[in-house]
Amino acid sequence: MAGLILTLLVTAVSFLIISRLPFLGIEIDGFGKAVITAIVFGILNAILLPILTVFTLPLIILSIGLFFFVLNAIIFGLAAAIVPGFSLRYGFWSALLGSIALAIINSILLRLVAQFT
């Protein structure tokens, strides 16, 4: 349970970091909205990603796995549509770049936290 809460907080901080990058076009109102966004994003990833993966398996195979970036962008965009106070200025491109930046920053922060715990 503590690991889940720690991952949630790291993801919320990652959302705040990517919202401060000016070229992505991602806007989050504050830390509270970032936590809600991290929760919604995690739930959407847990529920929708396996379903979308099954339906788009031929595209994933043809693109050698690169279509997963599109699936993550779709989930990122859905989270932006659900959570008020989390918006994407440039639509799909913000979602695509934001999901890539989130994965990179989240993995870096999780490794840093894992070293200190």
PDB file of N, CA and C in Angstrom:
ATOM      1  N   MET A   1       0.822  -1.198   0.000  1.00  0.00           N
ATOM      2  CA  MET A   1       0.000   0.000   0.000  1.00  0.00           C
ATOM      3  C   MET A   1       0.870   1.267   0.000  1.00  0.00           C
ATOM      4  N   ALA A   2       1.959   1.239   0.758  1.00  0.00           N
ATOM      5  CA  ALA A   2       2.848   2.397   0.799  1.00  0.00           C
ATOM      6  C   ALA A   2       3.507   2.625  -0.559  1.00  0.00           C
ATOM      7  N   GLY A   3       3.830   1.536  -1.255  1.00  0.00           N
ATOM      8  CA  GLY A   3       4.422   1.653  -2.584  1.00  0.00           C
ATOM      9  C   GLY A   3       3.466   2.288  -3.578  1.00  0.00           C
ATOM     10  N   LEU A   4       2.184   1.956  -3.456  1.00  0.00           N
ATOM     11  CA  LEU A   4       1.177   2.529  -4.341  1.00  0.00           C
ATOM     12  C   LEU A   4       1.037   4.038  -4.100  1.00  0.00           C
ATOM     13  N   ILE A   5       1.013   4.428  -2.835  1.00  0.00           N
ATOM     14  CA  ILE A   5       0.898   5.851  -2.500  1.00  0.00           C
ATOM     15  C   ILE A   5       2.153   6.602  -2.953  1.00  0.00           C
ATOM     16  N   LEU A   6       3.311   5.987  -2.768  1.00  0.00           N
ATOM     17  CA  LEU A   6       4.559   6.619  -3.202  1.00  0.00           C
ATOM     18  C   LEU A   6       4.585   6.800  -4.719  1.00  0.00           C
ATOM     19  N   THR A   7       4.164   5.782  -5.447  1.00  0.00           N
ATOM     20  CA  THR A   7       4.089   5.882  -6.906  1.00  0.00           C
ATOM     21  C   THR A   7       3.095   6.950  -7.336  1.00  0.00           C
ATOM     22  N   LEU A   8       1.979   7.039  -6.640  1.00  0.00           N
ATOM     23  CA  LEU A   8       0.979   8.067  -6.935  1.00  0.00           C
ATOM     24  C   LEU A   8       1.557   9.469  -6.739  1.00  0.00           C
ATOM     25  N   LEU A   9       2.271   9.672  -5.640  1.00  0.00           N
ATOM     26  CA  LEU A   9       2.855  10.987  -5.375  1.00  0.00           C
ATOM     27  C   LEU A   9       3.958  11.330  -6.372  1.00  0.00           C
ATOM     28  N   VAL A  10       4.771  10.336  -6.742  1.00  0.00           N
ATOM     29  CA  VAL A  10       5.817  10.569  -7.736  1.00  0.00           C
ATOM     30  C   VAL A  10       5.188  10.914  -9.092  1.00  0.00           C
ATOM     31  N   THR A  11       4.119  10.226  -9.443  1.00  0.00           N
ATOM     32  CA  THR A  11       3.437  10.525 -10.701  1.00  0.00           C
ATOM     33  C   THR A  11       2.825  11.921 -10.668  1.00  0.00           C
ATOM     34  N   ALA A  12       2.282  12.318  -9.534  1.00  0.00           N
ATOM     35  CA  ALA A  12       1.725  13.673  -9.411  1.00  0.00           C
ATOM     36  C   ALA A  12       2.825  14.720  -9.574  1.00  0.00           C
ATOM     37  N   VAL A  13       3.980  14.486  -8.972  1.00  0.00           N
ATOM     38  CA  VAL A  13       5.107  15.412  -9.128  1.00  0.00           C
ATOM     39  C   VAL A  13       5.563  15.425 -10.591  1.00  0.00           C
ATOM     40  N   SER A  14       5.554  14.264 -11.230  1.00  0.00           N
ATOM     41  CA  SER A  14       5.926  14.200 -12.650  1.00  0.00           C
ATOM     42  C   SER A  14       4.964  15.022 -13.503  1.00  0.00           C
ATOM     43  N   PHE A  15       3.665  14.946 -13.188  1.00  0.00           N
ATOM     44  CA  PHE A  15       2.686  15.762 -13.913  1.00  0.00           C
ATOM     45  C   PHE A  15       2.968  17.251 -13.710  1.00  0.00           C
ATOM     46  N   LEU A  16       3.325  17.636 -12.491  1.00  0.00           N
ATOM     47  CA  LEU A  16       3.644  19.040 -12.240  1.00  0.00           C
ATOM     48  C   LEU A  16       4.879  19.478 -13.016  1.00  0.00           C
ATOM     49  N   ILE A  17       5.875  18.601 -13.096  1.00  0.00           N
ATOM     50  CA  ILE A  17       7.100  18.938 -13.827  1.00  0.00           C
ATOM     51  C   ILE A  17       6.805  19.123 -15.310  1.00  0.00           C
ATOM     52  N   ILE A  18       6.039  18.195 -15.903  1.00  0.00           N
ATOM     53  CA  ILE A  18       5.775  18.338 -17.340  1.00  0.00           C
ATOM     54  C   ILE A  18       4.838  19.506 -17.630  1.00  0.00           C
ATOM     55  N   SER A  19       4.055  19.917 -16.635  1.00  0.00           N
ATOM     56  CA  SER A  19       3.204  21.093 -16.875  1.00  0.00           C
ATOM     57  C   SER A  19       4.022  22.381 -16.882  1.00  0.00           C
ATOM     58  N   ARG A  20       5.223  22.339 -16.342  1.00  0.00           N
ATOM     59  CA  ARG A  20       6.099  23.516 -16.340  1.00  0.00           C
ATOM     60  C   ARG A  20       6.966  23.607 -17.594  1.00  0.00           C
ATOM     61  N   LEU A  21       6.977  22.582 -18.416  1.00  0.00           N
ATOM     62  CA  LEU A  21       7.732  22.614 -19.669  1.00  0.00           C
ATOM     63  C   LEU A  21       6.912  23.372 -20.702  1.00  0.00           C
ATOM     64  N   PRO A  22       7.398  24.502 -21.193  1.00  0.00           N
ATOM     65  CA  PRO A  22       6.562  25.387 -22.010  1.00  0.00           C
ATOM     66  C   PRO A  22       6.192  24.834 -23.383  1.00  0.00           C
ATOM     67  N   PHE A  23       7.004  23.992 -23.961  1.00  0.00           N
ATOM     68  CA  PHE A  23       6.752  23.542 -25.326  1.00  0.00           C
ATOM     69  C   PHE A  23       5.741  22.407 -25.419  1.00  0.00           C
ATOM     70  N   LEU A  24       5.322  21.823 -24.296  1.00  0.00           N
ATOM     71  CA  LEU A  24       4.389  20.697 -24.340  1.00  0.00           C
ATOM     72  C   LEU A  24       2.927  21.132 -24.412  1.00  0.00           C
ATOM     73  N   GLY A  25       2.603  22.263 -23.830  1.00  0.00           N
ATOM     74  CA  GLY A  25       1.220  22.734 -23.845  1.00  0.00           C
ATOM     75  C   GLY A  25       0.327  22.013 -22.869  1.00  0.00           C
ATOM     76  N   ILE A  26       0.878  21.597 -21.729  1.00  0.00           N
ATOM     77  CA  ILE A  26       0.105  20.901 -20.707  1.00  0.00           C
ATOM     78  C   ILE A  26      -0.070  21.858 -19.538  1.00  0.00           C
ATOM     79  N   GLU A  27      -1.322  21.976 -19.076  1.00  0.00           N
ATOM     80  CA  GLU A  27      -1.615  22.898 -17.988  1.00  0.00           C
ATOM     81  C   GLU A  27      -2.321  22.159 -16.860  1.00  0.00           C
ATOM     82  N   ILE A  28      -1.770  22.290 -15.641  1.00  0.00           N
ATOM     83  CA  ILE A  28      -2.375  21.707 -14.439  1.00  0.00           C
ATOM     84  C   ILE A  28      -2.466  22.820 -13.403  1.00  0.00           C
ATOM     85  N   ASP A  29      -3.622  22.942 -12.762  1.00  0.00           N
ATOM     86  CA  ASP A  29      -3.873  24.058 -11.848  1.00  0.00           C
ATOM     87  C   ASP A  29      -3.027  24.025 -10.584  1.00  0.00           C
ATOM     88  N   GLY A  30      -2.764  22.855 -10.028  1.00  0.00           N
ATOM     89  CA  GLY A  30      -1.994  22.795  -8.798  1.00  0.00           C
ATOM     90  C   GLY A  30      -1.706  21.358  -8.404  1.00  0.00           C
ATOM     91  N   PHE A  31      -1.116  21.189  -7.209  1.00  0.00           N
ATOM     92  CA  PHE A  31      -0.728  19.849  -6.774  1.00  0.00           C
ATOM     93  C   PHE A  31      -1.945  18.951  -6.553  1.00  0.00           C
ATOM     94  N   GLY A  32      -3.036  19.516  -6.043  1.00  0.00           N
ATOM     95  CA  GLY A  32      -4.252  18.722  -5.840  1.00  0.00           C
ATOM     96  C   GLY A  32      -4.784  18.156  -7.145  1.00  0.00           C
ATOM     97  N   LYS A  33      -4.810  18.981  -8.170  1.00  0.00           N
ATOM     98  CA  LYS A  33      -5.253  18.520  -9.493  1.00  0.00           C
ATOM     99  C   LYS A  33      -4.271  17.507 -10.071  1.00  0.00           C
ATOM    100  N   ALA A  34      -2.981  17.677  -9.762  1.00  0.00           N
ATOM    101  CA  ALA A  34      -1.987  16.717 -10.245  1.00  0.00           C
ATOM    102  C   ALA A  34      -2.195  15.356  -9.590  1.00  0.00           C
ATOM    103  N   VAL A  35      -2.556  15.332  -8.319  1.00  0.00           N
ATOM    104  CA  VAL A  35      -2.828  14.058  -7.635  1.00  0.00           C
ATOM    105  C   VAL A  35      -4.069  13.403  -8.225  1.00  0.00           C
ATOM    106  N   ILE A  36      -5.118  14.185  -8.450  1.00  0.00           N
ATOM    107  CA  ILE A  36      -6.339  13.642  -9.062  1.00  0.00           C
ATOM    108  C   ILE A  36      -6.035  13.134 -10.466  1.00  0.00           C
ATOM    109  N   THR A  37      -5.240  13.882 -11.212  1.00  0.00           N
ATOM    110  CA  THR A  37      -4.860  13.461 -12.558  1.00  0.00           C
ATOM    111  C   THR A  37      -4.068  12.162 -12.515  1.00  0.00           C
ATOM    112  N   ALA A  38      -3.159  12.030 -11.559  1.00  0.00           N
ATOM    113  CA  ALA A  38      -2.374  10.794 -11.432  1.00  0.00           C
ATOM    114  C   ALA A  38      -3.275   9.612 -11.110  1.00  0.00           C
ATOM    115  N   ILE A  39      -4.278   9.816 -10.268  1.00  0.00           N
ATOM    116  CA  ILE A  39      -5.220   8.740  -9.931  1.00  0.00           C
ATOM    117  C   ILE A  39      -6.023   8.337 -11.166  1.00  0.00           C
ATOM    118  N   VAL A  40      -6.582   9.322 -11.864  1.00  0.00           N
ATOM    119  CA  VAL A  40      -7.386   9.039 -13.060  1.00  0.00           C
ATOM    120  C   VAL A  40      -6.532   8.377 -14.138  1.00  0.00           C
ATOM    121  N   PHE A  41      -5.322   8.882 -14.338  1.00  0.00           N
ATOM    122  CA  PHE A  41      -4.420   8.317 -15.341  1.00  0.00           C
ATOM    123  C   PHE A  41      -4.087   6.856 -14.999  1.00  0.00           C
ATOM    124  N   GLY A  42      -3.832   6.587 -13.729  1.00  0.00           N
ATOM    125  CA  GLY A  42      -3.538   5.215 -13.312  1.00  0.00           C
ATOM    126  C   GLY A  42      -4.719   4.277 -13.509  1.00  0.00           C
ATOM    127  N   ILE A  43      -5.908   4.744 -13.176  1.00  0.00           N
ATOM    128  CA  ILE A  43      -7.110   3.919 -13.359  1.00  0.00           C
ATOM    129  C   ILE A  43      -7.362   3.660 -14.842  1.00  0.00           C
ATOM    130  N   LEU A  44      -7.245   4.701 -15.671  1.00  0.00           N
ATOM    131  CA  LEU A  44      -7.432   4.523 -17.110  1.00  0.00           C
ATOM    132  C   LEU A  44      -6.389   3.573 -17.694  1.00  0.00           C
ATOM    133  N   ASN A  45      -5.145   3.691 -17.229  1.00  0.00           N
ATOM    134  CA  ASN A  45      -4.099   2.775 -17.690  1.00  0.00           C
ATOM    135  C   ASN A  45      -4.408   1.342 -17.305  1.00  0.00           C
ATOM    136  N   ALA A  46      -4.901   1.147 -16.093  1.00  0.00           N
ATOM    137  CA  ALA A  46      -5.185  -0.207 -15.622  1.00  0.00           C
ATOM    138  C   ALA A  46      -6.374  -0.830 -16.337  1.00  0.00           C
ATOM    139  N   ILE A  47      -7.356  -0.019 -16.688  1.00  0.00           N
ATOM    140  CA  ILE A  47      -8.582  -0.563 -17.288  1.00  0.00           C
ATOM    141  C   ILE A  47      -8.530  -0.554 -18.816  1.00  0.00           C
ATOM    142  N   LEU A  48      -8.189   0.605 -19.403  1.00  0.00           N
ATOM    143  CA  LEU A  48      -8.298   0.746 -20.856  1.00  0.00           C
ATOM    144  C   LEU A  48      -7.109   0.207 -21.648  1.00  0.00           C
ATOM    145  N   LEU A  49      -5.911   0.316 -21.105  1.00  0.00           N
ATOM    146  CA  LEU A  49      -4.736  -0.096 -21.877  1.00  0.00           C
ATOM    147  C   LEU A  49      -4.787  -1.565 -22.299  1.00  0.00           C
ATOM    148  N   PRO A  50      -5.153  -2.511 -21.421  1.00  0.00           N
ATOM    149  CA  PRO A  50      -5.240  -3.897 -21.898  1.00  0.00           C
ATOM    150  C   PRO A  50      -6.307  -4.098 -22.977  1.00  0.00           C
ATOM    151  N   ILE A  51      -7.424  -3.392 -22.842  1.00  0.00           N
ATOM    152  CA  ILE A  51      -8.496  -3.530 -23.834  1.00  0.00           C
ATOM    153  C   ILE A  51      -8.056  -2.950 -25.177  1.00  0.00           C
ATOM    154  N   LEU A  52      -7.474  -1.746 -25.145  1.00  0.00           N
ATOM    155  CA  LEU A  52      -7.001  -1.129 -26.379  1.00  0.00           C
ATOM    156  C   LEU A  52      -5.865  -1.928 -27.015  1.00  0.00           C
ATOM    157  N   THR A  53      -5.048  -2.549 -26.179  1.00  0.00           N
ATOM    158  CA  THR A  53      -3.947  -3.365 -26.701  1.00  0.00           C
ATOM    159  C   THR A  53      -4.474  -4.553 -27.491  1.00  0.00           C
ATOM    160  N   VAL A  54      -5.500  -5.196 -26.978  1.00  0.00           N
ATOM    161  CA  VAL A  54      -6.080  -6.343 -27.682  1.00  0.00           C
ATOM    162  C   VAL A  54      -6.666  -5.919 -29.019  1.00  0.00           C
ATOM    163  N   PHE A  55      -7.393  -4.791 -29.024  1.00  0.00           N
ATOM    164  CA  PHE A  55      -8.030  -4.350 -30.260  1.00  0.00           C
ATOM    165  C   PHE A  55      -7.043  -3.825 -31.302  1.00  0.00           C
ATOM    166  N   THR A  56      -5.921  -3.291 -30.861  1.00  0.00           N
ATOM    167  CA  THR A  56      -4.964  -2.708 -31.800  1.00  0.00           C
ATOM    168  C   THR A  56      -3.705  -3.555 -31.963  1.00  0.00           C
ATOM    169  N   LEU A  57      -3.774  -4.804 -31.582  1.00  0.00           N
ATOM    170  CA  LEU A  57      -2.607  -5.676 -31.658  1.00  0.00           C
ATOM    171  C   LEU A  57      -1.977  -5.737 -33.049  1.00  0.00           C
ATOM    172  N   PRO A  58      -2.759  -5.820 -34.131  1.00  0.00           N
ATOM    173  CA  PRO A  58      -2.112  -5.814 -35.453  1.00  0.00           C
ATOM    174  C   PRO A  58      -1.305  -4.535 -35.730  1.00  0.00           C
ATOM    175  N   LEU A  59      -1.832  -3.383 -35.311  1.00  0.00           N
ATOM    176  CA  LEU A  59      -1.088  -2.131 -35.500  1.00  0.00           C
ATOM    177  C   LEU A  59       0.168  -2.095 -34.634  1.00  0.00           C
ATOM    178  N   ILE A  60       0.069  -2.650 -33.440  1.00  0.00           N
ATOM    179  CA  ILE A  60       1.236  -2.701 -32.554  1.00  0.00           C
ATOM    180  C   ILE A  60       2.318  -3.581 -33.168  1.00  0.00           C
ATOM    181  N   ILE A  61       1.920  -4.697 -33.716  1.00  0.00           N
ATOM    182  CA  ILE A  61       2.882  -5.616 -34.336  1.00  0.00           C
ATOM    183  C   ILE A  61       3.496  -4.986 -35.584  1.00  0.00           C
ATOM    184  N   LEU A  62       2.664  -4.370 -36.424  1.00  0.00           N
ATOM    185  CA  LEU A  62       3.177  -3.744 -37.650  1.00  0.00           C
ATOM    186  C   LEU A  62       4.120  -2.581 -37.369  1.00  0.00           C
ATOM    187  N   SER A  63       3.864  -1.865 -36.287  1.00  0.00           N
ATOM    188  CA  SER A  63       4.715  -0.707 -35.970  1.00  0.00           C
ATOM    189  C   SER A  63       5.857  -1.077 -35.024  1.00  0.00           C
ATOM    190  N   ILE A  64       6.017  -2.338 -34.754  1.00  0.00           N
ATOM    191  CA  ILE A  64       7.063  -2.846 -33.865  1.00  0.00           C
ATOM    192  C   ILE A  64       6.946  -2.191 -32.476  1.00  0.00           C
ATOM    193  N   GLY A  65       5.722  -2.044 -32.015  1.00  0.00           N
ATOM    194  CA  GLY A  65       5.471  -1.534 -30.677  1.00  0.00           C
ATOM    195  C   GLY A  65       5.340  -0.033 -30.567  1.00  0.00           C
ATOM    196  N   LEU A  66       5.593   0.703 -31.636  1.00  0.00           N
ATOM    197  CA  LEU A  66       5.523   2.159 -31.564  1.00  0.00           C
ATOM    198  C   LEU A  66       4.098   2.682 -31.403  1.00  0.00           C
ATOM    199  N   PHE A  67       3.117   1.852 -31.742  1.00  0.00           N
ATOM    200  CA  PHE A  67       1.725   2.287 -31.596  1.00  0.00           C
ATOM    201  C   PHE A  67       1.341   2.432 -30.127  1.00  0.00           C
ATOM    202  N   PHE A  68       2.134   1.855 -29.215  1.00  0.00           N
ATOM    203  CA  PHE A  68       1.885   2.049 -27.788  1.00  0.00           C
ATOM    204  C   PHE A  68       1.970   3.527 -27.409  1.00  0.00           C
ATOM    205  N   PHE A  69       2.807   4.290 -28.105  1.00  0.00           N
ATOM    206  CA  PHE A  69       2.871   5.728 -27.852  1.00  0.00           C
ATOM    207  C   PHE A  69       1.529   6.392 -28.148  1.00  0.00           C
ATOM    208  N   VAL A  70       0.875   5.956 -29.207  1.00  0.00           N
ATOM    209  CA  VAL A  70      -0.438   6.495 -29.557  1.00  0.00           C
ATOM    210  C   VAL A  70      -1.471   6.091 -28.507  1.00  0.00           C
ATOM    211  N   LEU A  71      -1.408   4.843 -28.041  1.00  0.00           N
ATOM    212  CA  LEU A  71      -2.342   4.389 -27.011  1.00  0.00           C
ATOM    213  C   LEU A  71      -2.153   5.185 -25.723  1.00  0.00           C
ATOM    214  N   ASN A  72      -0.914   5.432 -25.344  1.00  0.00           N
ATOM    215  CA  ASN A  72      -0.659   6.238 -24.145  1.00  0.00           C
ATOM    216  C   ASN A  72      -1.140   7.666 -24.331  1.00  0.00           C
ATOM    217  N   ALA A  73      -1.009   8.203 -25.527  1.00  0.00           N
ATOM    218  CA  ALA A  73      -1.505   9.549 -25.804  1.00  0.00           C
ATOM    219  C   ALA A  73      -3.028   9.599 -25.706  1.00  0.00           C
ATOM    220  N   ILE A  74      -3.692   8.562 -26.155  1.00  0.00           N
ATOM    221  CA  ILE A  74      -5.154   8.501 -26.054  1.00  0.00           C
ATOM    222  C   ILE A  74      -5.579   8.499 -24.588  1.00  0.00           C
ATOM    223  N   ILE A  75      -4.910   7.705 -23.777  1.00  0.00           N
ATOM    224  CA  ILE A  75      -5.236   7.648 -22.354  1.00  0.00           C
ATOM    225  C   ILE A  75      -4.906   8.973 -21.678  1.00  0.00           C
ATOM    226  N   PHE A  76      -3.807   9.584 -22.053  1.00  0.00           N
ATOM    227  CA  PHE A  76      -3.424  10.902 -21.526  1.00  0.00           C
ATOM    228  C   PHE A  76      -4.496  11.936 -21.871  1.00  0.00           C
ATOM    229  N   GLY A  77      -4.971  11.915 -23.104  1.00  0.00           N
ATOM    230  CA  GLY A  77      -6.019  12.837 -23.536  1.00  0.00           C
ATOM    231  C   GLY A  77      -7.342  12.587 -22.834  1.00  0.00           C
ATOM    232  N   LEU A  78      -7.666  11.316 -22.584  1.00  0.00           N
ATOM    233  CA  LEU A  78      -8.884  11.001 -21.844  1.00  0.00           C
ATOM    234  C   LEU A  78      -8.803  11.515 -20.417  1.00  0.00           C
ATOM    235  N   ALA A  79      -7.638  11.387 -19.810  1.00  0.00           N
ATOM    236  CA  ALA A  79      -7.468  11.915 -18.456  1.00  0.00           C
ATOM    237  C   ALA A  79      -7.650  13.426 -18.451  1.00  0.00           C
ATOM    238  N   ALA A  80      -7.155  14.099 -19.469  1.00  0.00           N
ATOM    239  CA  ALA A  80      -7.328  15.552 -19.574  1.00  0.00           C
ATOM    240  C   ALA A  80      -8.789  15.925 -19.774  1.00  0.00           C
ATOM    241  N   ALA A  81      -9.530  15.081 -20.476  1.00  0.00           N
ATOM    242  CA  ALA A  81     -10.947  15.358 -20.700  1.00  0.00           C
ATOM    243  C   ALA A  81     -11.772  15.130 -19.429  1.00  0.00           C
ATOM    244  N   ILE A  82     -11.325  14.207 -18.589  1.00  0.00           N
ATOM    245  CA  ILE A  82     -12.082  13.862 -17.382  1.00  0.00           C
ATOM    246  C   ILE A  82     -11.798  14.829 -16.236  1.00  0.00           C
ATOM    247  N   VAL A  83     -10.538  15.195 -16.044  1.00  0.00           N
ATOM    248  CA  VAL A  83     -10.140  15.993 -14.877  1.00  0.00           C
ATOM    249  C   VAL A  83     -10.235  17.481 -15.203  1.00  0.00           C
ATOM    250  N   PRO A  84     -11.084  18.222 -14.492  1.00  0.00           N
ATOM    251  CA  PRO A  84     -11.087  19.676 -14.679  1.00  0.00           C
ATOM    252  C   PRO A  84      -9.821  20.267 -14.054  1.00  0.00           C
ATOM    253  N   GLY A  85      -9.253  21.226 -14.717  1.00  0.00           N
ATOM    254  CA  GLY A  85      -8.016  21.818 -14.236  1.00  0.00           C
ATOM    255  C   GLY A  85      -6.778  21.191 -14.855  1.00  0.00           C
ATOM    256  N   PHE A  86      -6.978  20.202 -15.729  1.00  0.00           N
ATOM    257  CA  PHE A  86      -5.886  19.565 -16.474  1.00  0.00           C
ATOM    258  C   PHE A  86      -6.254  19.673 -17.943  1.00  0.00           C
ATOM    259  N   SER A  87      -5.492  20.458 -18.699  1.00  0.00           N
ATOM    260  CA  SER A  87      -5.848  20.673 -20.096  1.00  0.00           C
ATOM    261  C   SER A  87      -4.636  20.549 -21.003  1.00  0.00           C
ATOM    262  N   LEU A  88      -4.935  20.267 -22.254  1.00  0.00           N
ATOM    263  CA  LEU A  88      -3.916  20.121 -23.289  1.00  0.00           C
ATOM    264  C   LEU A  88      -4.107  21.242 -24.304  1.00  0.00           C
ATOM    265  N   ARG A  89      -3.134  22.110 -24.424  1.00  0.00           N
ATOM    266  CA  ARG A  89      -3.244  23.267 -25.303  1.00  0.00           C
ATOM    267  C   ARG A  89      -3.232  22.863 -26.778  1.00  0.00           C
ATOM    268  N   TYR A  90      -2.415  21.888 -27.140  1.00  0.00           N
ATOM    269  CA  TYR A  90      -2.254  21.523 -28.551  1.00  0.00           C
ATOM    270  C   TYR A  90      -2.903  20.178 -28.893  1.00  0.00           C
ATOM    271  N   GLY A  91      -3.843  19.724 -28.095  1.00  0.00           N
ATOM    272  CA  GLY A  91      -4.608  18.531 -28.388  1.00  0.00           C
ATOM    273  C   GLY A  91      -3.780  17.259 -28.383  1.00  0.00           C
ATOM    274  N   PHE A  92      -3.874  16.494 -29.467  1.00  0.00           N
ATOM    275  CA  PHE A  92      -3.218  15.192 -29.542  1.00  0.00           C
ATOM    276  C   PHE A  92      -1.704  15.309 -29.394  1.00  0.00           C
ATOM    277  N   TRP A  93      -1.115  16.358 -29.964  1.00  0.00           N
ATOM    278  CA  TRP A  93       0.344  16.494 -29.904  1.00  0.00           C
ATOM    279  C   TRP A  93       0.810  16.754 -28.484  1.00  0.00           C
ATOM    280  N   SER A  94       0.051  17.519 -27.729  1.00  0.00           N
ATOM    281  CA  SER A  94       0.379  17.701 -26.319  1.00  0.00           C
ATOM    282  C   SER A  94       0.267  16.384 -25.568  1.00  0.00           C
ATOM    283  N   ALA A  95      -0.763  15.597 -25.908  1.00  0.00           N
ATOM    284  CA  ALA A  95      -0.941  14.304 -25.254  1.00  0.00           C
ATOM    285  C   ALA A  95       0.199  13.351 -25.603  1.00  0.00           C
ATOM    286  N   LEU A  96       0.604  13.342 -26.862  1.00  0.00           N
ATOM    287  CA  LEU A  96       1.688  12.450 -27.285  1.00  0.00           C
ATOM    288  C   LEU A  96       3.010  12.830 -26.630  1.00  0.00           C
ATOM    289  N   LEU A  97       3.378  14.101 -26.731  1.00  0.00           N
ATOM    290  CA  LEU A  97       4.629  14.548 -26.121  1.00  0.00           C
ATOM    291  C   LEU A  97       4.562  14.467 -24.599  1.00  0.00           C
ATOM    292  N   GLY A  98       3.403  14.751 -24.034  1.00  0.00           N
ATOM    293  CA  GLY A  98       3.232  14.677 -22.586  1.00  0.00           C
ATOM    294  C   GLY A  98       3.349  13.260 -22.055  1.00  0.00           C
ATOM    295  N   SER A  99       2.803  12.297 -22.788  1.00  0.00           N
ATOM    296  CA  SER A  99       2.906  10.905 -22.326  1.00  0.00           C
ATOM    297  C   SER A  99       4.342  10.398 -22.404  1.00  0.00           C
ATOM    298  N   ILE A 100       5.068  10.835 -23.422  1.00  0.00           N
ATOM    299  CA  ILE A 100       6.487  10.450 -23.522  1.00  0.00           C
ATOM    300  C   ILE A 100       7.289  11.106 -22.404  1.00  0.00           C
ATOM    301  N   ALA A 101       7.052  12.403 -22.190  1.00  0.00           N
ATOM    302  CA  ALA A 101       7.765  13.118 -21.124  1.00  0.00           C
ATOM    303  C   ALA A 101       7.404  12.553 -19.749  1.00  0.00           C
ATOM    304  N   LEU A 102       6.137  12.189 -19.559  1.00  0.00           N
ATOM    305  CA  LEU A 102       5.714  11.606 -18.288  1.00  0.00           C
ATOM    306  C   LEU A 102       6.428  10.284 -18.033  1.00  0.00           C
ATOM    307  N   ALA A 103       6.542   9.462 -19.048  1.00  0.00           N
ATOM    308  CA  ALA A 103       7.225   8.172 -18.879  1.00  0.00           C
ATOM    309  C   ALA A 103       8.692   8.368 -18.514  1.00  0.00           C
ATOM    310  N   ILE A 104       9.344   9.306 -19.166  1.00  0.00           N
ATOM    311  CA  ILE A 104      10.773   9.544 -18.898  1.00  0.00           C
ATOM    312  C   ILE A 104      10.974  10.125 -17.499  1.00  0.00           C
ATOM    313  N   ILE A 105      10.239  11.170 -17.173  1.00  0.00           N
ATOM    314  CA  ILE A 105      10.409  11.834 -15.880  1.00  0.00           C
ATOM    315  C   ILE A 105       9.970  10.923 -14.741  1.00  0.00           C
ATOM    316  N   ASN A 106       8.880  10.191 -14.951  1.00  0.00           N
ATOM    317  CA  ASN A 106       8.398   9.279 -13.921  1.00  0.00           C
ATOM    318  C   ASN A 106       9.420   8.184 -13.631  1.00  0.00           C
ATOM    319  N   SER A 107      10.038   7.640 -14.668  1.00  0.00           N
ATOM    320  CA  SER A 107      11.023   6.576 -14.443  1.00  0.00           C
ATOM    321  C   SER A 107      12.259   7.118 -13.730  1.00  0.00           C
ATOM    322  N   ILE A 108      12.677   8.329 -14.069  1.00  0.00           N
ATOM    323  CA  ILE A 108      13.831   8.933 -13.390  1.00  0.00           C
ATOM    324  C   ILE A 108      13.516   9.170 -11.912  1.00  0.00           C
ATOM    325  N   LEU A 109      12.355   9.754 -11.635  1.00  0.00           N
ATOM    326  CA  LEU A 109      11.994  10.039 -10.248  1.00  0.00           C
ATOM    327  C   LEU A 109      11.789   8.766  -9.439  1.00  0.00           C
ATOM    328  N   LEU A 110      11.193   7.747 -10.043  1.00  0.00           N
ATOM    329  CA  LEU A 110      10.989   6.491  -9.317  1.00  0.00           C
ATOM    330  C   LEU A 110      12.321   5.813  -8.995  1.00  0.00           C
ATOM    331  N   ARG A 111      13.281   5.904  -9.895  1.00  0.00           N
ATOM    332  CA  ARG A 111      14.612   5.350  -9.603  1.00  0.00           C
ATOM    333  C   ARG A 111      15.297   6.123  -8.487  1.00  0.00           C
ATOM    334  N   LEU A 112      15.163   7.432  -8.493  1.00  0.00           N
ATOM    335  CA  LEU A 112      15.742   8.242  -7.421  1.00  0.00           C
ATOM    336  C   LEU A 112      15.111   7.919  -6.073  1.00  0.00           C
ATOM    337  N   VAL A 113      13.803   7.783  -6.061  1.00  0.00           N
ATOM    338  CA  VAL A 113      13.105   7.468  -4.811  1.00  0.00           C
ATOM    339  C   VAL A 113      13.469   6.060  -4.334  1.00  0.00           C
ATOM    340  N   ALA A 114      13.610   5.127  -5.274  1.00  0.00           N
ATOM    341  CA  ALA A 114      13.957   3.750  -4.908  1.00  0.00           C
ATOM    342  C   ALA A 114      15.348   3.674  -4.285  1.00  0.00           C
ATOM    343  N   GLN A 115      16.255   4.550  -4.684  1.00  0.00           N
ATOM    344  CA  GLN A 115      17.591   4.539  -4.111  1.00  0.00           C
ATOM    345  C   GLN A 115      17.582   5.034  -2.673  1.00  0.00           C
ATOM    346  N   PHE A 116      16.651   5.905  -2.334  1.00  0.00           N
ATOM    347  CA  PHE A 116      16.627   6.464  -0.986  1.00  0.00           C
ATOM    348  C   PHE A 116      15.691   5.719  -0.043  1.00  0.00           C
ATOM    349  N   THR A 117      14.957   4.733  -0.536  1.00  0.00           N
ATOM    350  CA  THR A 117      14.076   3.967   0.344  1.00  0.00           C
ATOM    351  C   THR A 117      14.565   2.557   0.524  1.00  0.00           C
TER     352      THR A 117
END
